[in-house]
Amino acid sequence: MQFSRKAINNRHKSIISLISKNGFATVEEMAKRYNVTPQTIRRDINFLDKEGHISRYHGGAAPASSTENVAYRHRKELLLAEKRKIAQKVASIIPDKTSLCINIGTTTEHVANALYDHRKLRIITNNLNVAAIMSKKEDFQVIVAGGIVRSRDGGITGESAVKFIQQFKMDIGIIGISGIDLDGTLLDFDFKEVHVARTIIDNSRKVFLVTDHSKFGRNAMVKLGSIREIDTLVTDKQPPAELMDVIQKHDVKLMIA
């Protein structure tokens, strides 16, 4: 199907407006809305992403923002297969009878599910979804940090959560992230969430960063730290060359699911 240049421009503007309003739109719903093929929408998304108007994700697109993350209900649907593979990879290297601290994030929730067959784990978390998953296992001990509960995703943040986690020294901290700059800077959107994640890094003997490839080069406003502070990065694709240089320079172990 052929379109005039004017029609393409109008559709692009409408797509930008739709995504800005809704926070996320799938390829399928946009194809139906604009009466075009999914392939056409994917081309539109790729173009708009390159121009910096939106951010392309597997299955759809979201606003190109450094101040606001994609809504939790949409993040749960993004790159599902990749997140599950990452979670299984992480679970394969965690021994039984280990103490863990698991933070907020959709990928870390998949890790919680993947760990279900382990034995006698001790888990500290500021994620109510992780707690709900892991507390069903009788030989797991789950400790939930106190603080302010975010209704949108069950995350717990604030000074109470930070002070609580500071009481412990965990074998492994498992954290997710919203973005990794190509210079290795770890980035997120919520200062309070970053403060808790920073505390997990500082109070864990080893730190595993679990993230899919869409976070490489993604922009966010709040600095968490540097990838050089991470012991192991578990992801689904090899990072870009610039980021790989930083990973190798600081001897970060890379595991690709």
C-alpha atoms as a PDB file:
ATOM      1  CA  MET A   1       0.000   0.000   0.000  1.00  0.00           C
ATOM      2  CA  GLN A   2       1.431   3.388  -0.980  1.00  0.00           C
ATOM      3  CA  PHE A   3       0.971   6.610   0.959  1.00  0.00           C
ATOM      4  CA  SER A   4       1.703  10.195   0.088  1.00  0.00           C
ATOM      5  CA  ARG A   5       4.408  12.008   2.002  1.00  0.00           C
ATOM      6  CA  LYS A   6       1.711  14.173   3.631  1.00  0.00           C
ATOM      7  CA  ALA A   7      -0.220  11.109   4.842  1.00  0.00           C
ATOM      8  CA  ILE A   8       2.917   9.606   6.347  1.00  0.00           C
ATOM      9  CA  ASN A   9       3.723  12.861   8.166  1.00  0.00           C
ATOM     10  CA  ASN A  10       0.191  13.092   9.532  1.00  0.00           C
ATOM     11  CA  ARG A  11       0.309   9.510  10.776  1.00  0.00           C
ATOM     12  CA  HIS A  12       3.680  10.115  12.404  1.00  0.00           C
ATOM     13  CA  LYS A  13       2.259  13.120  14.262  1.00  0.00           C
ATOM     14  CA  SER A  14      -0.744  11.100  15.350  1.00  0.00           C
ATOM     15  CA  ILE A  15       1.467   8.234  16.573  1.00  0.00           C
ATOM     16  CA  ILE A  16       3.580  10.654  18.635  1.00  0.00           C
ATOM     17  CA  SER A  17       0.411  12.157  20.138  1.00  0.00           C
ATOM     18  CA  LEU A  18      -1.078   8.720  20.889  1.00  0.00           C
ATOM     19  CA  ILE A  19       2.060   7.483  22.642  1.00  0.00           C
ATOM     20  CA  SER A  20       2.453  10.721  24.572  1.00  0.00           C
ATOM     21  CA  LYS A  21      -1.134  10.413  25.823  1.00  0.00           C
ATOM     22  CA  ASN A  22      -1.210   6.674  26.611  1.00  0.00           C
ATOM     23  CA  GLY A  23       2.405   6.078  27.652  1.00  0.00           C
ATOM     24  CA  PHE A  24       2.709   2.980  25.459  1.00  0.00           C
ATOM     25  CA  ALA A  25       1.095   1.639  22.298  1.00  0.00           C
ATOM     26  CA  THR A  26       1.477  -1.768  20.707  1.00  0.00           C
ATOM     27  CA  VAL A  27       2.160  -2.358  17.017  1.00  0.00           C
ATOM     28  CA  GLU A  28      -1.098  -4.270  16.697  1.00  0.00           C
ATOM     29  CA  GLU A  29      -3.320  -1.543  18.151  1.00  0.00           C
ATOM     30  CA  MET A  30      -1.655   1.147  16.010  1.00  0.00           C
ATOM     31  CA  ALA A  31      -1.989  -0.939  12.839  1.00  0.00           C
ATOM     32  CA  LYS A  32      -5.699  -1.361  13.535  1.00  0.00           C
ATOM     33  CA  ARG A  33      -6.164   2.283  14.489  1.00  0.00           C
ATOM     34  CA  TYR A  34      -4.505   3.622  11.324  1.00  0.00           C
ATOM     35  CA  ASN A  35      -5.714   0.832   9.038  1.00  0.00           C
ATOM     36  CA  VAL A  36      -2.217  -0.121   7.882  1.00  0.00           C
ATOM     37  CA  THR A  37      -0.096  -3.252   8.151  1.00  0.00           C
ATOM     38  CA  PRO A  38       2.055  -4.016  11.223  1.00  0.00           C
ATOM     39  CA  GLN A  39       5.100  -3.762   8.938  1.00  0.00           C
ATOM     40  CA  THR A  40       4.146  -0.174   8.098  1.00  0.00           C
ATOM     41  CA  ILE A  41       3.807   0.711  11.779  1.00  0.00           C
ATOM     42  CA  ARG A  42       7.190  -0.870  12.532  1.00  0.00           C
ATOM     43  CA  ARG A  43       8.770   1.309   9.839  1.00  0.00           C
ATOM     44  CA  ASP A  44       7.066   4.358  11.346  1.00  0.00           C
ATOM     45  CA  ILE A  45       8.301   3.438  14.819  1.00  0.00           C
ATOM     46  CA  ASN A  46      11.863   2.868  13.597  1.00  0.00           C
ATOM     47  CA  PHE A  47      11.867   6.250  11.855  1.00  0.00           C
ATOM     48  CA  LEU A  48      10.405   8.121  14.828  1.00  0.00           C
ATOM     49  CA  ASP A  49      12.796   6.389  17.216  1.00  0.00           C
ATOM     50  CA  LYS A  50      15.817   7.417  15.112  1.00  0.00           C
ATOM     51  CA  GLU A  51      14.507  10.977  15.007  1.00  0.00           C
ATOM     52  CA  GLY A  52      14.219  10.981  18.821  1.00  0.00           C
ATOM     53  CA  HIS A  53      10.437  11.447  18.973  1.00  0.00           C
ATOM     54  CA  ILE A  54       9.653   8.116  20.672  1.00  0.00           C
ATOM     55  CA  SER A  55      11.450   5.045  22.032  1.00  0.00           C
ATOM     56  CA  ARG A  56      11.022   1.747  20.210  1.00  0.00           C
ATOM     57  CA  TYR A  57      10.449  -1.421  22.208  1.00  0.00           C
ATOM     58  CA  HIS A  58       9.684  -4.998  21.296  1.00  0.00           C
ATOM     59  CA  GLY A  59       6.018  -5.020  20.346  1.00  0.00           C
ATOM     60  CA  GLY A  60       5.415  -1.288  20.517  1.00  0.00           C
ATOM     61  CA  ALA A  61       6.701   2.152  21.460  1.00  0.00           C
ATOM     62  CA  ALA A  62       6.795   4.571  24.392  1.00  0.00           C
ATOM     63  CA  PRO A  63       7.637   8.260  24.889  1.00  0.00           C
ATOM     64  CA  ALA A  64      11.271   9.293  24.505  1.00  0.00           C
ATOM     65  CA  SER A  65      11.621  10.651  28.023  1.00  0.00           C
ATOM     66  CA  SER A  66      14.470  10.879  30.500  1.00  0.00           C
ATOM     67  CA  THR A  67      12.111  11.780  33.348  1.00  0.00           C
ATOM     68  CA  GLU A  68       9.309   9.207  33.179  1.00  0.00           C
ATOM     69  CA  ASN A  69       9.401   5.433  32.732  1.00  0.00           C
ATOM     70  CA  VAL A  70       6.989   3.303  30.735  1.00  0.00           C
ATOM     71  CA  ALA A  71       3.974   2.299  32.844  1.00  0.00           C
ATOM     72  CA  TYR A  72       4.463  -0.896  34.847  1.00  0.00           C
ATOM     73  CA  ARG A  73       1.562  -2.706  33.172  1.00  0.00           C
ATOM     74  CA  HIS A  74       3.239  -2.186  29.793  1.00  0.00           C
ATOM     75  CA  ARG A  75       6.765  -2.971  31.010  1.00  0.00           C
ATOM     76  CA  LYS A  76       5.493  -6.353  32.188  1.00  0.00           C
ATOM     77  CA  GLU A  77       4.618  -7.188  28.579  1.00  0.00           C
ATOM     78  CA  LEU A  78       7.860  -6.015  26.987  1.00  0.00           C
ATOM     79  CA  LEU A  79      10.502  -8.580  25.936  1.00  0.00           C
ATOM     80  CA  LEU A  80       8.869 -11.321  27.988  1.00  0.00           C
ATOM     81  CA  ALA A  81      10.811 -14.207  26.432  1.00  0.00           C
ATOM     82  CA  GLU A  82      14.106 -12.373  26.851  1.00  0.00           C
ATOM     83  CA  LYS A  83      13.419 -11.555  30.505  1.00  0.00           C
ATOM     84  CA  ARG A  84      12.561 -15.183  31.242  1.00  0.00           C
ATOM     85  CA  LYS A  85      15.804 -16.360  29.645  1.00  0.00           C
ATOM     86  CA  ILE A  86      17.778 -13.807  31.662  1.00  0.00           C
ATOM     87  CA  ALA A  87      16.035 -14.983  34.836  1.00  0.00           C
ATOM     88  CA  GLN A  88      16.810 -18.632  34.135  1.00  0.00           C
ATOM     89  CA  LYS A  89      20.453 -17.747  33.493  1.00  0.00           C
ATOM     90  CA  VAL A  90      20.699 -15.927  36.810  1.00  0.00           C
ATOM     91  CA  ALA A  91      18.993 -18.757  38.676  1.00  0.00           C
ATOM     92  CA  SER A  92      21.480 -21.253  37.217  1.00  0.00           C
ATOM     93  CA  ILE A  93      24.426 -19.549  38.945  1.00  0.00           C
ATOM     94  CA  ILE A  94      22.846 -18.956  42.358  1.00  0.00           C
ATOM     95  CA  PRO A  95      23.433 -21.802  44.819  1.00  0.00           C
ATOM     96  CA  ASP A  96      20.983 -23.043  47.420  1.00  0.00           C
ATOM     97  CA  LYS A  97      21.186 -21.612  50.937  1.00  0.00           C
ATOM     98  CA  THR A  98      22.118 -18.147  49.658  1.00  0.00           C
ATOM     99  CA  SER A  99      21.069 -14.768  51.051  1.00  0.00           C
ATOM    100  CA  LEU A 100      19.718 -12.420  48.400  1.00  0.00           C
ATOM    101  CA  CYS A 101      18.458  -8.879  48.103  1.00  0.00           C
ATOM    102  CA  ILE A 102      16.133  -8.298  45.144  1.00  0.00           C
ATOM    103  CA  ASN A 103      14.931  -4.868  44.109  1.00  0.00           C
ATOM    104  CA  ILE A 104      12.089  -3.358  42.099  1.00  0.00           C
ATOM    105  CA  GLY A 105      11.622  -4.322  38.458  1.00  0.00           C
ATOM    106  CA  THR A 106       9.856  -6.616  36.037  1.00  0.00           C
ATOM    107  CA  THR A 107      13.035  -8.562  35.254  1.00  0.00           C
ATOM    108  CA  THR A 108      13.793  -9.135  38.926  1.00  0.00           C
ATOM    109  CA  GLU A 109      10.268 -10.504  39.325  1.00  0.00           C
ATOM    110  CA  HIS A 110      11.063 -13.083  36.648  1.00  0.00           C
ATOM    111  CA  VAL A 111      14.205 -13.934  38.608  1.00  0.00           C
ATOM    112  CA  ALA A 112      12.043 -14.558  41.676  1.00  0.00           C
ATOM    113  CA  ASN A 113       9.978 -17.040  39.676  1.00  0.00           C
ATOM    114  CA  ALA A 114      13.082 -18.737  38.260  1.00  0.00           C
ATOM    115  CA  LEU A 115      14.490 -19.268  41.774  1.00  0.00           C
ATOM    116  CA  TYR A 116      11.435 -21.148  42.981  1.00  0.00           C
ATOM    117  CA  ASP A 117      13.072 -24.583  42.718  1.00  0.00           C
ATOM    118  CA  HIS A 118      16.013 -23.555  44.900  1.00  0.00           C
ATOM    119  CA  ARG A 119      16.324 -24.590  48.544  1.00  0.00           C
ATOM    120  CA  LYS A 120      16.549 -22.548  51.740  1.00  0.00           C
ATOM    121  CA  LEU A 121      17.043 -19.114  50.266  1.00  0.00           C
ATOM    122  CA  ARG A 122      16.919 -16.027  52.460  1.00  0.00           C
ATOM    123  CA  ILE A 123      15.473 -13.061  50.593  1.00  0.00           C
ATOM    124  CA  ILE A 124      15.301  -9.387  51.482  1.00  0.00           C
ATOM    125  CA  THR A 125      13.260  -7.314  49.058  1.00  0.00           C
ATOM    126  CA  ASN A 126      11.604  -3.951  48.592  1.00  0.00           C
ATOM    127  CA  ASN A 127       9.334  -5.446  45.923  1.00  0.00           C
ATOM    128  CA  LEU A 128       5.945  -6.751  47.101  1.00  0.00           C
ATOM    129  CA  ASN A 129       5.554  -8.773  43.899  1.00  0.00           C
ATOM    130  CA  VAL A 130       8.847 -10.582  44.578  1.00  0.00           C
ATOM    131  CA  ALA A 131       7.744 -11.176  48.177  1.00  0.00           C
ATOM    132  CA  ALA A 132       4.407 -12.617  47.034  1.00  0.00           C
ATOM    133  CA  ILE A 133       6.133 -14.999  44.604  1.00  0.00           C
ATOM    134  CA  MET A 134       8.844 -16.249  46.943  1.00  0.00           C
ATOM    135  CA  SER A 135       6.881 -16.390  50.208  1.00  0.00           C
ATOM    136  CA  LYS A 136       4.842 -19.299  48.813  1.00  0.00           C
ATOM    137  CA  LYS A 137       7.896 -21.554  49.163  1.00  0.00           C
ATOM    138  CA  GLU A 138       7.969 -23.027  52.689  1.00  0.00           C
ATOM    139  CA  ASP A 139      11.752 -23.263  53.009  1.00  0.00           C
ATOM    140  CA  PHE A 140      12.339 -19.681  51.839  1.00  0.00           C
ATOM    141  CA  GLN A 141      12.574 -16.908  54.385  1.00  0.00           C
ATOM    142  CA  VAL A 142      11.330 -13.639  52.922  1.00  0.00           C
ATOM    143  CA  ILE A 143      11.952 -10.323  54.673  1.00  0.00           C
ATOM    144  CA  VAL A 144      10.199  -7.237  53.321  1.00  0.00           C
ATOM    145  CA  ALA A 145      11.677  -3.781  53.781  1.00  0.00           C
ATOM    146  CA  GLY A 146       9.410  -1.171  55.329  1.00  0.00           C
ATOM    147  CA  GLY A 147       8.638   2.109  53.644  1.00  0.00           C
ATOM    148  CA  ILE A 148       6.297   3.770  51.177  1.00  0.00           C
ATOM    149  CA  VAL A 149       4.516   1.307  48.865  1.00  0.00           C
ATOM    150  CA  ARG A 150       4.027   2.476  45.276  1.00  0.00           C
ATOM    151  CA  SER A 151       0.572   1.456  44.101  1.00  0.00           C
ATOM    152  CA  ARG A 152       1.633   1.267  40.463  1.00  0.00           C
ATOM    153  CA  ASP A 153       4.120  -1.593  40.874  1.00  0.00           C
ATOM    154  CA  GLY A 154       4.330  -2.741  44.501  1.00  0.00           C
ATOM    155  CA  GLY A 155       7.751  -1.178  44.989  1.00  0.00           C
ATOM    156  CA  ILE A 156       8.797   0.037  48.447  1.00  0.00           C
ATOM    157  CA  THR A 157      10.972   3.137  48.674  1.00  0.00           C
ATOM    158  CA  GLY A 158      11.969   5.824  51.156  1.00  0.00           C
ATOM    159  CA  GLU A 159      14.396   6.231  54.043  1.00  0.00           C
ATOM    160  CA  SER A 160      12.776   3.454  56.079  1.00  0.00           C
ATOM    161  CA  ALA A 161      13.559   0.947  53.312  1.00  0.00           C
ATOM    162  CA  VAL A 162      17.132   2.219  53.040  1.00  0.00           C
ATOM    163  CA  LYS A 163      17.786   2.014  56.788  1.00  0.00           C
ATOM    164  CA  PHE A 164      16.252  -1.450  56.953  1.00  0.00           C
ATOM    165  CA  ILE A 165      18.474  -2.867  54.197  1.00  0.00           C
ATOM    166  CA  GLN A 166      21.548  -1.277  55.793  1.00  0.00           C
ATOM    167  CA  GLN A 167      21.185  -3.717  58.697  1.00  0.00           C
ATOM    168  CA  PHE A 168      22.159  -6.665  56.486  1.00  0.00           C
ATOM    169  CA  LYS A 169      25.091  -7.967  54.457  1.00  0.00           C
ATOM    170  CA  MET A 170      23.764 -10.185  51.670  1.00  0.00           C
ATOM    171  CA  ASP A 171      25.620 -12.757  49.601  1.00  0.00           C
ATOM    172  CA  ILE A 172      24.118 -11.461  46.352  1.00  0.00           C
ATOM    173  CA  GLY A 173      22.218  -8.328  45.397  1.00  0.00           C
ATOM    174  CA  ILE A 174      20.061  -8.646  42.277  1.00  0.00           C
ATOM    175  CA  ILE A 175      19.058  -5.353  40.709  1.00  0.00           C
ATOM    176  CA  GLY A 176      17.321  -4.178  37.569  1.00  0.00           C
ATOM    177  CA  ILE A 177      17.870  -0.847  35.833  1.00  0.00           C
ATOM    178  CA  SER A 178      16.004   1.512  33.496  1.00  0.00           C
ATOM    179  CA  GLY A 179      18.981   2.542  31.378  1.00  0.00           C
ATOM    180  CA  ILE A 180      22.720   2.062  30.907  1.00  0.00           C
ATOM    181  CA  ASP A 181      24.608   4.902  29.255  1.00  0.00           C
ATOM    182  CA  LEU A 182      27.273   3.794  26.810  1.00  0.00           C
ATOM    183  CA  ASP A 183      29.918   5.151  29.217  1.00  0.00           C
ATOM    184  CA  GLY A 184      28.694   2.606  31.805  1.00  0.00           C
ATOM    185  CA  THR A 185      26.579   4.946  33.931  1.00  0.00           C
ATOM    186  CA  LEU A 186      23.575   3.191  35.456  1.00  0.00           C
ATOM    187  CA  LEU A 187      20.414   5.286  35.154  1.00  0.00           C
ATOM    188  CA  ASP A 188      16.884   5.256  36.531  1.00  0.00           C
ATOM    189  CA  PHE A 189      13.843   7.504  36.789  1.00  0.00           C
ATOM    190  CA  ASP A 190      12.996   7.597  40.511  1.00  0.00           C
ATOM    191  CA  PHE A 191      15.439   9.087  43.008  1.00  0.00           C
ATOM    192  CA  LYS A 192      13.884   7.194  45.916  1.00  0.00           C
ATOM    193  CA  GLU A 193      14.131   3.896  44.039  1.00  0.00           C
ATOM    194  CA  VAL A 194      17.752   4.628  43.153  1.00  0.00           C
ATOM    195  CA  HIS A 195      18.576   5.300  46.808  1.00  0.00           C
ATOM    196  CA  VAL A 196      17.350   1.824  47.763  1.00  0.00           C
ATOM    197  CA  ALA A 197      19.163   0.164  44.858  1.00  0.00           C
ATOM    198  CA  ARG A 198      22.337   2.013  45.835  1.00  0.00           C
ATOM    199  CA  THR A 199      22.004   0.597  49.341  1.00  0.00           C
ATOM    200  CA  ILE A 200      21.627  -2.930  47.940  1.00  0.00           C
ATOM    201  CA  ILE A 201      24.875  -2.497  45.973  1.00  0.00           C
ATOM    202  CA  ASP A 202      26.721  -1.202  49.032  1.00  0.00           C
ATOM    203  CA  ASN A 203      25.491  -4.041  51.261  1.00  0.00           C
ATOM    204  CA  SER A 204      25.962  -7.049  48.968  1.00  0.00           C
ATOM    205  CA  ARG A 205      29.104  -9.147  48.587  1.00  0.00           C
ATOM    206  CA  LYS A 206      28.330  -9.610  44.899  1.00  0.00           C
ATOM    207  CA  VAL A 207      25.969  -7.665  42.655  1.00  0.00           C
ATOM    208  CA  PHE A 208      24.143  -9.100  39.644  1.00  0.00           C
ATOM    209  CA  LEU A 209      22.618  -6.627  37.205  1.00  0.00           C
ATOM    210  CA  VAL A 210      19.755  -8.161  35.188  1.00  0.00           C
ATOM    211  CA  THR A 211      18.578  -6.220  32.161  1.00  0.00           C
ATOM    212  CA  ASP A 212      17.461  -6.753  28.582  1.00  0.00           C
ATOM    213  CA  HIS A 213      19.173  -5.163  25.591  1.00  0.00           C
ATOM    214  CA  SER A 214      16.604  -2.354  25.246  1.00  0.00           C
ATOM    215  CA  LYS A 215      18.248  -0.631  28.233  1.00  0.00           C
ATOM    216  CA  PHE A 216      21.616  -0.206  26.474  1.00  0.00           C
ATOM    217  CA  GLY A 217      22.006   3.471  25.626  1.00  0.00           C
ATOM    218  CA  ARG A 218      18.582   4.315  27.060  1.00  0.00           C
ATOM    219  CA  ASN A 219      18.314   7.719  28.701  1.00  0.00           C
ATOM    220  CA  ALA A 220      17.015   8.339  32.234  1.00  0.00           C
ATOM    221  CA  MET A 221      17.533  11.238  34.590  1.00  0.00           C
ATOM    222  CA  VAL A 222      18.861   9.799  37.871  1.00  0.00           C
ATOM    223  CA  LYS A 223      22.350   8.300  38.260  1.00  0.00           C
ATOM    224  CA  LEU A 224      22.583   5.090  40.282  1.00  0.00           C
ATOM    225  CA  GLY A 225      26.279   4.448  39.839  1.00  0.00           C
ATOM    226  CA  SER A 226      28.592   2.776  37.347  1.00  0.00           C
ATOM    227  CA  ILE A 227      28.652  -0.633  35.759  1.00  0.00           C
ATOM    228  CA  ARG A 228      32.165  -1.058  37.186  1.00  0.00           C
ATOM    229  CA  GLU A 229      30.488  -1.613  40.563  1.00  0.00           C
ATOM    230  CA  ILE A 230      28.656  -4.652  39.169  1.00  0.00           C
ATOM    231  CA  ASP A 231      30.161  -8.123  39.415  1.00  0.00           C
ATOM    232  CA  THR A 232      27.986  -9.795  36.774  1.00  0.00           C
ATOM    233  CA  LEU A 233      25.812  -8.389  33.997  1.00  0.00           C
ATOM    234  CA  VAL A 234      23.174 -10.826  32.747  1.00  0.00           C
ATOM    235  CA  THR A 235      21.416  -9.809  29.546  1.00  0.00           C
ATOM    236  CA  ASP A 236      20.022 -11.227  26.310  1.00  0.00           C
ATOM    237  CA  LYS A 237      22.297  -9.629  23.689  1.00  0.00           C
ATOM    238  CA  GLN A 238      25.868  -8.403  23.559  1.00  0.00           C
ATOM    239  CA  PRO A 239      26.068  -4.706  24.492  1.00  0.00           C
ATOM    240  CA  PRO A 240      27.222  -2.093  21.951  1.00  0.00           C
ATOM    241  CA  ALA A 241      30.989  -1.861  21.357  1.00  0.00           C
ATOM    242  CA  GLU A 242      31.423   1.339  23.398  1.00  0.00           C
ATOM    243  CA  LEU A 243      29.755  -0.206  26.430  1.00  0.00           C
ATOM    244  CA  MET A 244      31.638  -3.484  25.921  1.00  0.00           C
ATOM    245  CA  ASP A 245      34.900  -1.565  26.239  1.00  0.00           C
ATOM    246  CA  VAL A 246      33.839  -0.319  29.682  1.00  0.00           C
ATOM    247  CA  ILE A 247      32.675  -3.780  30.749  1.00  0.00           C
ATOM    248  CA  GLN A 248      35.951  -5.385  29.741  1.00  0.00           C
ATOM    249  CA  LYS A 249      38.073  -2.591  31.211  1.00  0.00           C
ATOM    250  CA  HIS A 250      36.521  -3.105  34.648  1.00  0.00           C
ATOM    251  CA  ASP A 251      36.390  -6.914  34.505  1.00  0.00           C
ATOM    252  CA  VAL A 252      32.617  -7.118  34.751  1.00  0.00           C
ATOM    253  CA  LYS A 253      31.497 -10.678  34.021  1.00  0.00           C
ATOM    254  CA  LEU A 254      29.083 -10.751  31.082  1.00  0.00           C
ATOM    255  CA  MET A 255      26.524 -13.527  30.733  1.00  0.00           C
ATOM    256  CA  ILE A 256      24.264 -13.607  27.680  1.00  0.00           C
ATOM    257  CA  ALA A 257      21.112 -15.690  27.995  1.00  0.00           C
END
